[in-house]
Amino acid sequence: MSQSRHVPVMLQRCLDLLAPALERPGAVVVDCTLGLGGHSEALLTRFPEARLIALDRDKEALRLSGERLAPFGERATLVHAVYDELPEVLDRLRVPRVRGVLFDLGVSSMQLDEAGRGFAYAQDAPLDMRMDQTTGISAAEVLNTYPPGDLVRILRAYGEEKQAKRIVSAIVREREKEPFDNSARLVELIRDALPQAAKRTGGNPAKRTFQALRIEVNGELSVLERAIPAAVKALDVGGRVAVLSYHSLEDRLVKQVFAAGAASTAPPGLPVVPERYQPRLKLLTRGAELPTEEEIAENRRAAPARLRGAERIREDAE
């Protein structure tokens, strides 16, 4: 597996965004999406006095990044957990507050590159798509057992697939003949189900369906809905959070949490806004920042990335 493929997305920008919070001795930073450890390694290198807590639900990722981060010794604590379990993890490690939190919500390069996991539509593989292969249901089970109405809802909501009904009726017809177990058959079915015009736009026609299945199998949006507020809550005043998302559904969720934190909660018309209604967050990015053209040229997986950052500027009102 070549390291060159695993250039962390928008790495320099993430480090710069978190830097003001992490330059003090003893700062704790959480990498909620460890993956192959690229962001974590860069955080430990750039902030030599910081301590890292890194989470991943994928045991293979934890093993590989454990080797990569071994030179940092006790400065790095790796935990097998989904990122919405952040409060429990910090509790267990007796860490009341942290100075920085980073989320990189892309599917890890390793999962995309490892054919047997079934994440990628470009190669045939068993339809699994679970990030943690020790638990939960596979993509094949979703395809073979969900009622048609639920499949249509998932493809529309999570894949923003306009042709959801056509694709699902083809899936339902085919699964009665033989259950789905590999990705090539699904890709072919989607190609055949789509009208010509739909095939001409935006890359591989199976992309949106695969995204939708991956989100459903891993409960990604509901996990994220819990995780972002939990991360904000875990921040010390002056602490910062940076989130890299890769599709509009994730980005919208992050934007909503940050916008709510950066807004005053005062009833309208107060001449002076009391402390407890003041915003808790300051936005560090204007809208979502995008990768540069140079970066996309070097690392095509950076293309859809959107980065948002926020700083905790006061405690929650009691």
Protein backbone atom coordinates (compact mmCIF):
# COMPACT_ATOMS: atom_id res chain seq x y z
CA MET A 1 0.00 0.00 0.00
CA SER A 2 1.77 3.15 -1.09
CA GLN A 3 1.78 6.04 1.37
CA SER A 4 1.72 8.52 -1.51
CA ARG A 5 -1.94 7.71 -2.08
CA HIS A 6 -2.77 8.62 1.49
CA VAL A 7 -2.04 12.30 1.50
CA PRO A 8 -4.40 13.69 4.15
CA VAL A 9 -6.86 16.15 2.63
CA MET A 10 -6.32 19.88 3.32
CA LEU A 11 -3.73 18.92 5.91
CA GLN A 12 -1.88 22.24 6.17
CA ARG A 13 -5.11 24.21 6.46
CA CYS A 14 -6.44 21.93 9.22
CA LEU A 15 -3.21 22.34 11.20
CA ASP A 16 -3.25 26.14 10.78
CA LEU A 17 -6.87 26.30 11.86
CA LEU A 18 -6.21 24.32 15.06
CA ALA A 19 -2.78 25.85 15.81
CA PRO A 20 -3.80 28.75 18.08
CA ALA A 21 -5.53 26.28 20.41
CA LEU A 22 -2.80 23.62 20.40
CA GLU A 23 0.37 25.58 20.92
CA ARG A 24 0.17 25.54 24.70
CA PRO A 25 1.94 22.73 26.64
CA GLY A 26 -0.27 19.78 27.59
CA ALA A 27 -3.01 20.60 25.07
CA VAL A 28 -5.17 17.57 24.26
CA VAL A 29 -6.36 17.15 20.67
CA VAL A 30 -8.84 14.50 19.47
CA ASP A 31 -8.68 13.02 15.99
CA CYS A 32 -12.18 11.57 15.69
CA THR A 33 -11.43 9.81 12.42
CA LEU A 34 -7.97 8.28 12.74
CA GLY A 35 -7.96 6.24 9.51
CA LEU A 36 -4.34 5.61 8.48
CA GLY A 37 -3.09 8.23 10.93
CA GLY A 38 -1.96 10.93 8.47
CA HIS A 39 -3.66 13.83 10.26
CA SER A 40 -2.71 12.41 13.68
CA GLU A 41 0.96 12.06 12.77
CA ALA A 42 1.02 15.64 11.48
CA LEU A 43 -0.67 16.97 14.66
CA LEU A 44 1.84 15.20 16.94
CA THR A 45 4.76 16.41 14.82
CA ARG A 46 3.70 20.04 14.55
CA PHE A 47 2.58 20.39 18.19
CA PRO A 48 5.35 18.61 20.14
CA GLU A 49 3.78 19.38 23.52
CA ALA A 50 0.29 18.17 22.62
CA ARG A 51 -1.31 14.87 23.57
CA LEU A 52 -3.47 13.03 21.06
CA ILE A 53 -6.55 10.88 21.54
CA ALA A 54 -7.59 9.19 18.29
CA LEU A 55 -10.75 7.21 17.57
CA ASP A 56 -11.66 4.79 14.81
CA ARG A 57 -14.33 2.13 14.46
CA ASP A 58 -12.16 0.11 12.08
CA LYS A 59 -9.82 -2.29 13.91
CA GLU A 60 -7.54 -2.70 10.89
CA ALA A 61 -7.09 1.09 10.69
CA LEU A 62 -6.20 1.17 14.40
CA ARG A 63 -3.60 -1.55 13.92
CA LEU A 64 -1.92 0.16 10.95
CA SER A 65 -1.96 3.67 12.42
CA GLY A 66 -0.74 2.24 15.74
CA GLU A 67 2.44 1.18 13.95
CA ARG A 68 2.74 4.58 12.30
CA LEU A 69 2.27 6.49 15.56
CA ALA A 70 4.42 4.17 17.73
CA PRO A 71 7.40 6.60 17.68
CA PHE A 72 5.27 9.14 19.61
CA GLY A 73 4.93 6.72 22.52
CA GLU A 74 2.54 7.75 25.27
CA ARG A 75 1.60 11.02 23.57
CA ALA A 76 -0.86 9.06 21.42
CA THR A 77 -3.84 7.14 22.82
CA LEU A 78 -5.75 5.10 20.21
CA VAL A 79 -9.30 3.97 20.96
CA HIS A 80 -11.67 1.59 19.13
CA ALA A 81 -14.83 3.70 19.10
CA VAL A 82 -17.30 5.46 16.84
CA TYR A 83 -16.91 9.23 17.04
CA ASP A 84 -20.30 9.85 18.69
CA GLU A 85 -18.85 7.94 21.67
CA LEU A 86 -16.45 10.84 22.29
CA PRO A 87 -18.02 11.85 25.66
CA GLU A 88 -17.66 8.27 27.03
CA VAL A 89 -14.09 7.97 25.74
CA LEU A 90 -13.04 11.26 27.38
CA ASP A 91 -14.80 10.24 30.57
CA ARG A 92 -12.98 6.90 30.65
CA LEU A 93 -9.63 8.61 30.06
CA ARG A 94 -10.48 11.22 32.72
CA VAL A 95 -10.04 14.10 30.29
CA PRO A 96 -12.66 16.73 31.17
CA ARG A 97 -11.93 19.18 28.32
CA VAL A 98 -9.87 19.24 25.14
CA ARG A 99 -8.19 22.02 23.13
CA GLY A 100 -8.82 20.70 19.64
CA VAL A 101 -11.03 18.27 17.72
CA LEU A 102 -10.59 17.17 14.11
CA PHE A 103 -13.07 15.22 11.97
CA ASP A 104 -12.19 13.97 8.47
CA LEU A 105 -15.44 12.40 7.34
CA GLY A 106 -14.19 10.82 4.12
CA VAL A 107 -14.17 7.06 3.76
CA SER A 108 -10.61 6.13 4.62
CA SER A 109 -8.35 5.56 1.63
CA MET A 110 -7.61 2.15 3.03
CA GLN A 111 -11.25 1.13 2.91
CA LEU A 112 -11.58 2.36 -0.66
CA ASP A 113 -8.37 0.66 -1.75
CA GLU A 114 -9.01 -2.66 -0.05
CA ALA A 115 -11.13 -4.47 -2.63
CA GLY A 116 -12.68 -6.93 -0.21
CA ARG A 117 -14.64 -4.28 1.69
CA GLY A 118 -17.03 -3.41 -1.14
CA PHE A 119 -16.89 0.39 -0.75
CA ALA A 120 -15.67 1.14 -4.26
CA TYR A 121 -17.90 0.84 -7.30
CA ALA A 122 -14.91 0.68 -9.64
CA GLN A 123 -14.00 -2.89 -8.69
CA ASP A 124 -15.99 -6.03 -7.99
CA ALA A 125 -16.15 -7.01 -4.32
CA PRO A 126 -18.56 -8.45 -1.74
CA LEU A 127 -21.17 -5.81 -0.82
CA ASP A 128 -20.13 -5.21 2.77
CA MET A 129 -19.36 -1.49 3.38
CA ARG A 130 -19.21 -1.78 7.19
CA MET A 131 -16.45 0.41 8.61
CA ASP A 132 -16.40 -1.81 11.67
CA GLN A 133 -16.61 -5.35 10.35
CA THR A 134 -17.28 -6.80 13.79
CA THR A 135 -20.81 -5.41 14.01
CA GLY A 136 -23.96 -4.34 12.17
CA ILE A 137 -25.56 -5.29 8.85
CA SER A 138 -23.85 -5.29 5.46
CA ALA A 139 -24.86 -3.41 2.31
CA ALA A 140 -25.96 -6.73 0.77
CA GLU A 141 -28.44 -7.25 3.64
CA VAL A 142 -29.82 -3.74 3.12
CA LEU A 143 -30.31 -4.38 -0.60
CA ASN A 144 -31.82 -7.83 -0.14
CA THR A 145 -34.14 -7.21 2.82
CA TYR A 146 -35.28 -3.56 3.00
CA PRO A 147 -38.80 -2.81 1.73
CA PRO A 148 -38.79 -0.89 -1.59
CA GLY A 149 -40.12 2.30 0.05
CA ASP A 150 -37.20 2.36 2.50
CA LEU A 151 -34.66 1.81 -0.29
CA VAL A 152 -36.13 4.70 -2.29
CA ARG A 153 -36.00 6.93 0.80
CA ILE A 154 -32.35 6.03 1.48
CA LEU A 155 -31.24 6.61 -2.12
CA ARG A 156 -33.01 9.98 -2.22
CA ALA A 157 -32.01 11.20 1.24
CA TYR A 158 -28.42 9.91 1.42
CA GLY A 159 -27.46 9.68 -2.24
CA GLU A 160 -29.51 12.60 -3.56
CA GLU A 161 -30.35 10.18 -6.38
CA LYS A 162 -33.10 11.56 -8.65
CA GLN A 163 -33.62 8.17 -10.31
CA ALA A 164 -34.15 6.34 -7.00
CA LYS A 165 -37.49 4.80 -8.01
CA ARG A 166 -36.13 3.34 -11.25
CA ILE A 167 -33.07 1.91 -9.55
CA VAL A 168 -35.08 0.41 -6.67
CA SER A 169 -37.64 -1.25 -8.90
CA ALA A 170 -34.75 -2.88 -10.81
CA ILE A 171 -33.15 -3.98 -7.50
CA VAL A 172 -36.42 -5.47 -6.22
CA ARG A 173 -37.00 -7.33 -9.49
CA GLU A 174 -33.46 -8.73 -9.52
CA ARG A 175 -33.20 -9.67 -5.84
CA GLU A 176 -36.23 -11.95 -6.22
CA LYS A 177 -34.32 -13.95 -8.83
CA GLU A 178 -31.11 -14.02 -6.78
CA PRO A 179 -29.95 -12.05 -3.71
CA PHE A 180 -27.19 -9.45 -4.24
CA ASP A 181 -23.77 -10.29 -2.91
CA ASN A 182 -21.23 -8.41 -5.05
CA SER A 183 -20.77 -4.87 -6.25
CA ALA A 184 -20.29 -5.49 -10.00
CA ARG A 185 -23.83 -6.81 -10.41
CA LEU A 186 -25.25 -3.76 -8.65
CA VAL A 187 -23.17 -1.34 -10.78
CA GLU A 188 -24.37 -3.06 -13.95
CA LEU A 189 -27.99 -2.97 -12.82
CA ILE A 190 -27.76 0.78 -12.10
CA ARG A 191 -26.23 1.45 -15.52
CA ASP A 192 -29.05 -0.46 -17.19
CA ALA A 193 -31.78 1.20 -15.10
CA LEU A 194 -30.80 4.80 -15.80
CA PRO A 195 -32.03 6.78 -18.79
CA GLN A 196 -29.31 7.87 -21.24
CA ALA A 197 -29.35 11.53 -20.13
CA ALA A 198 -28.73 10.60 -16.49
CA LYS A 199 -25.66 8.56 -17.44
CA ARG A 200 -23.96 11.50 -19.04
CA THR A 201 -23.68 13.61 -15.90
CA GLY A 202 -21.28 13.49 -12.96
CA GLY A 203 -19.00 10.48 -13.12
CA ASN A 204 -19.91 6.87 -12.39
CA PRO A 205 -23.71 6.44 -12.34
CA ALA A 206 -23.42 4.09 -9.34
CA LYS A 207 -21.67 6.69 -7.17
CA ARG A 208 -24.80 8.10 -5.50
CA THR A 209 -26.30 4.68 -4.73
CA PHE A 210 -23.03 3.45 -3.17
CA GLN A 211 -22.80 6.61 -1.05
CA ALA A 212 -26.37 6.10 0.15
CA LEU A 213 -25.77 2.46 1.09
CA ARG A 214 -22.54 3.33 2.92
CA ILE A 215 -24.28 6.03 4.98
CA GLU A 216 -27.15 3.68 5.84
CA VAL A 217 -24.91 0.72 6.76
CA ASN A 218 -22.73 2.82 9.05
CA GLY A 219 -25.46 5.12 10.41
CA GLU A 220 -23.13 7.95 9.42
CA LEU A 221 -25.52 10.90 9.54
CA SER A 222 -27.15 9.99 12.84
CA VAL A 223 -23.68 9.40 14.33
CA LEU A 224 -22.53 12.78 13.03
CA GLU A 225 -25.65 14.49 14.37
CA ARG A 226 -24.64 13.39 17.87
CA ALA A 227 -20.88 13.75 17.41
CA ILE A 228 -20.53 17.40 16.34
CA PRO A 229 -22.47 18.86 19.31
CA ALA A 230 -20.56 16.48 21.63
CA ALA A 231 -17.25 17.74 20.22
CA VAL A 232 -18.27 21.38 20.73
CA LYS A 233 -19.30 20.57 24.30
CA ALA A 234 -15.92 18.89 24.99
CA LEU A 235 -13.96 22.00 23.95
CA ASP A 236 -12.30 24.23 26.47
CA VAL A 237 -12.90 27.98 26.00
CA GLY A 238 -10.36 28.90 23.31
CA GLY A 239 -10.49 25.34 21.95
CA ARG A 240 -11.11 24.76 18.24
CA VAL A 241 -12.88 22.20 16.07
CA ALA A 242 -12.23 21.53 12.37
CA VAL A 243 -14.49 19.34 10.21
CA LEU A 244 -13.78 18.06 6.70
CA SER A 245 -16.92 16.77 5.00
CA TYR A 246 -17.35 15.31 1.53
CA HIS A 247 -20.99 15.67 0.59
CA SER A 248 -23.67 18.26 1.09
CA LEU A 249 -25.61 16.25 3.70
CA GLU A 250 -22.63 16.14 6.08
CA ASP A 251 -21.66 19.73 5.38
CA ARG A 252 -25.23 20.91 6.07
CA LEU A 253 -25.26 19.19 9.48
CA VAL A 254 -21.92 20.74 10.47
CA LYS A 255 -23.04 24.15 9.25
CA GLN A 256 -26.26 23.97 11.31
CA VAL A 257 -24.47 23.05 14.56
CA PHE A 258 -21.83 25.75 14.08
CA ALA A 259 -24.39 28.40 13.08
CA ALA A 260 -26.55 27.64 16.13
CA GLY A 261 -23.50 27.93 18.41
CA ALA A 262 -22.44 31.22 16.83
CA ALA A 263 -25.88 32.83 17.16
CA SER A 264 -27.21 34.80 20.11
CA THR A 265 -30.09 33.01 21.85
CA ALA A 266 -31.50 36.22 23.34
CA PRO A 267 -35.19 37.04 22.91
CA PRO A 268 -35.50 39.83 20.31
CA GLY A 269 -35.62 43.43 21.49
CA LEU A 270 -33.34 43.27 24.54
CA PRO A 271 -31.35 46.52 24.77
CA VAL A 272 -28.36 44.67 26.25
CA VAL A 273 -27.80 40.97 25.65
CA PRO A 274 -26.99 39.17 28.95
CA GLU A 275 -23.95 36.91 29.05
CA ARG A 276 -25.96 33.69 29.07
CA TYR A 277 -27.49 34.46 25.65
CA GLN A 278 -24.20 35.35 23.97
CA PRO A 279 -22.86 33.08 21.22
CA ARG A 280 -20.70 30.15 22.41
CA LEU A 281 -18.84 29.74 19.12
CA LYS A 282 -16.94 31.96 16.73
CA LEU A 283 -16.84 30.74 13.12
CA LEU A 284 -13.29 30.45 11.76
CA THR A 285 -14.16 29.87 8.10
CA ARG A 286 -16.33 32.00 5.85
CA GLY A 287 -18.80 29.41 4.70
CA ALA A 288 -16.98 26.20 3.80
CA GLU A 289 -13.39 26.39 2.55
CA LEU A 290 -12.51 24.34 -0.53
CA PRO A 291 -9.26 22.60 -1.48
CA THR A 292 -6.98 24.44 -3.91
CA GLU A 293 -6.70 23.39 -7.54
CA GLU A 294 -3.11 22.24 -6.90
CA GLU A 295 -4.26 20.00 -4.10
CA ILE A 296 -7.01 18.44 -6.21
CA ALA A 297 -4.46 17.82 -8.97
CA GLU A 298 -2.23 15.99 -6.46
CA ASN A 299 -5.00 14.13 -4.63
CA ARG A 300 -8.25 13.59 -6.50
CA ARG A 301 -9.98 12.47 -3.29
CA ALA A 302 -9.72 16.05 -2.06
CA ALA A 303 -12.05 17.34 -4.79
CA PRO A 304 -15.39 17.22 -2.91
CA ALA A 305 -13.91 18.27 0.47
CA ARG A 306 -15.44 21.16 2.45
CA LEU A 307 -13.72 22.48 5.59
CA ARG A 308 -15.43 24.34 8.43
CA GLY A 309 -13.89 25.48 11.69
CA ALA A 310 -15.15 27.05 14.91
CA GLU A 311 -13.69 28.27 18.20
CA ARG A 312 -15.31 27.92 21.60
CA ILE A 313 -15.51 31.46 23.02
CA ARG A 314 -17.56 30.93 26.20
CA GLU A 315 -19.01 28.32 28.50
CA ASP A 316 -22.55 26.99 28.07
CA ALA A 317 -25.16 28.94 29.99
CA GLU A 318 -26.10 27.04 33.11
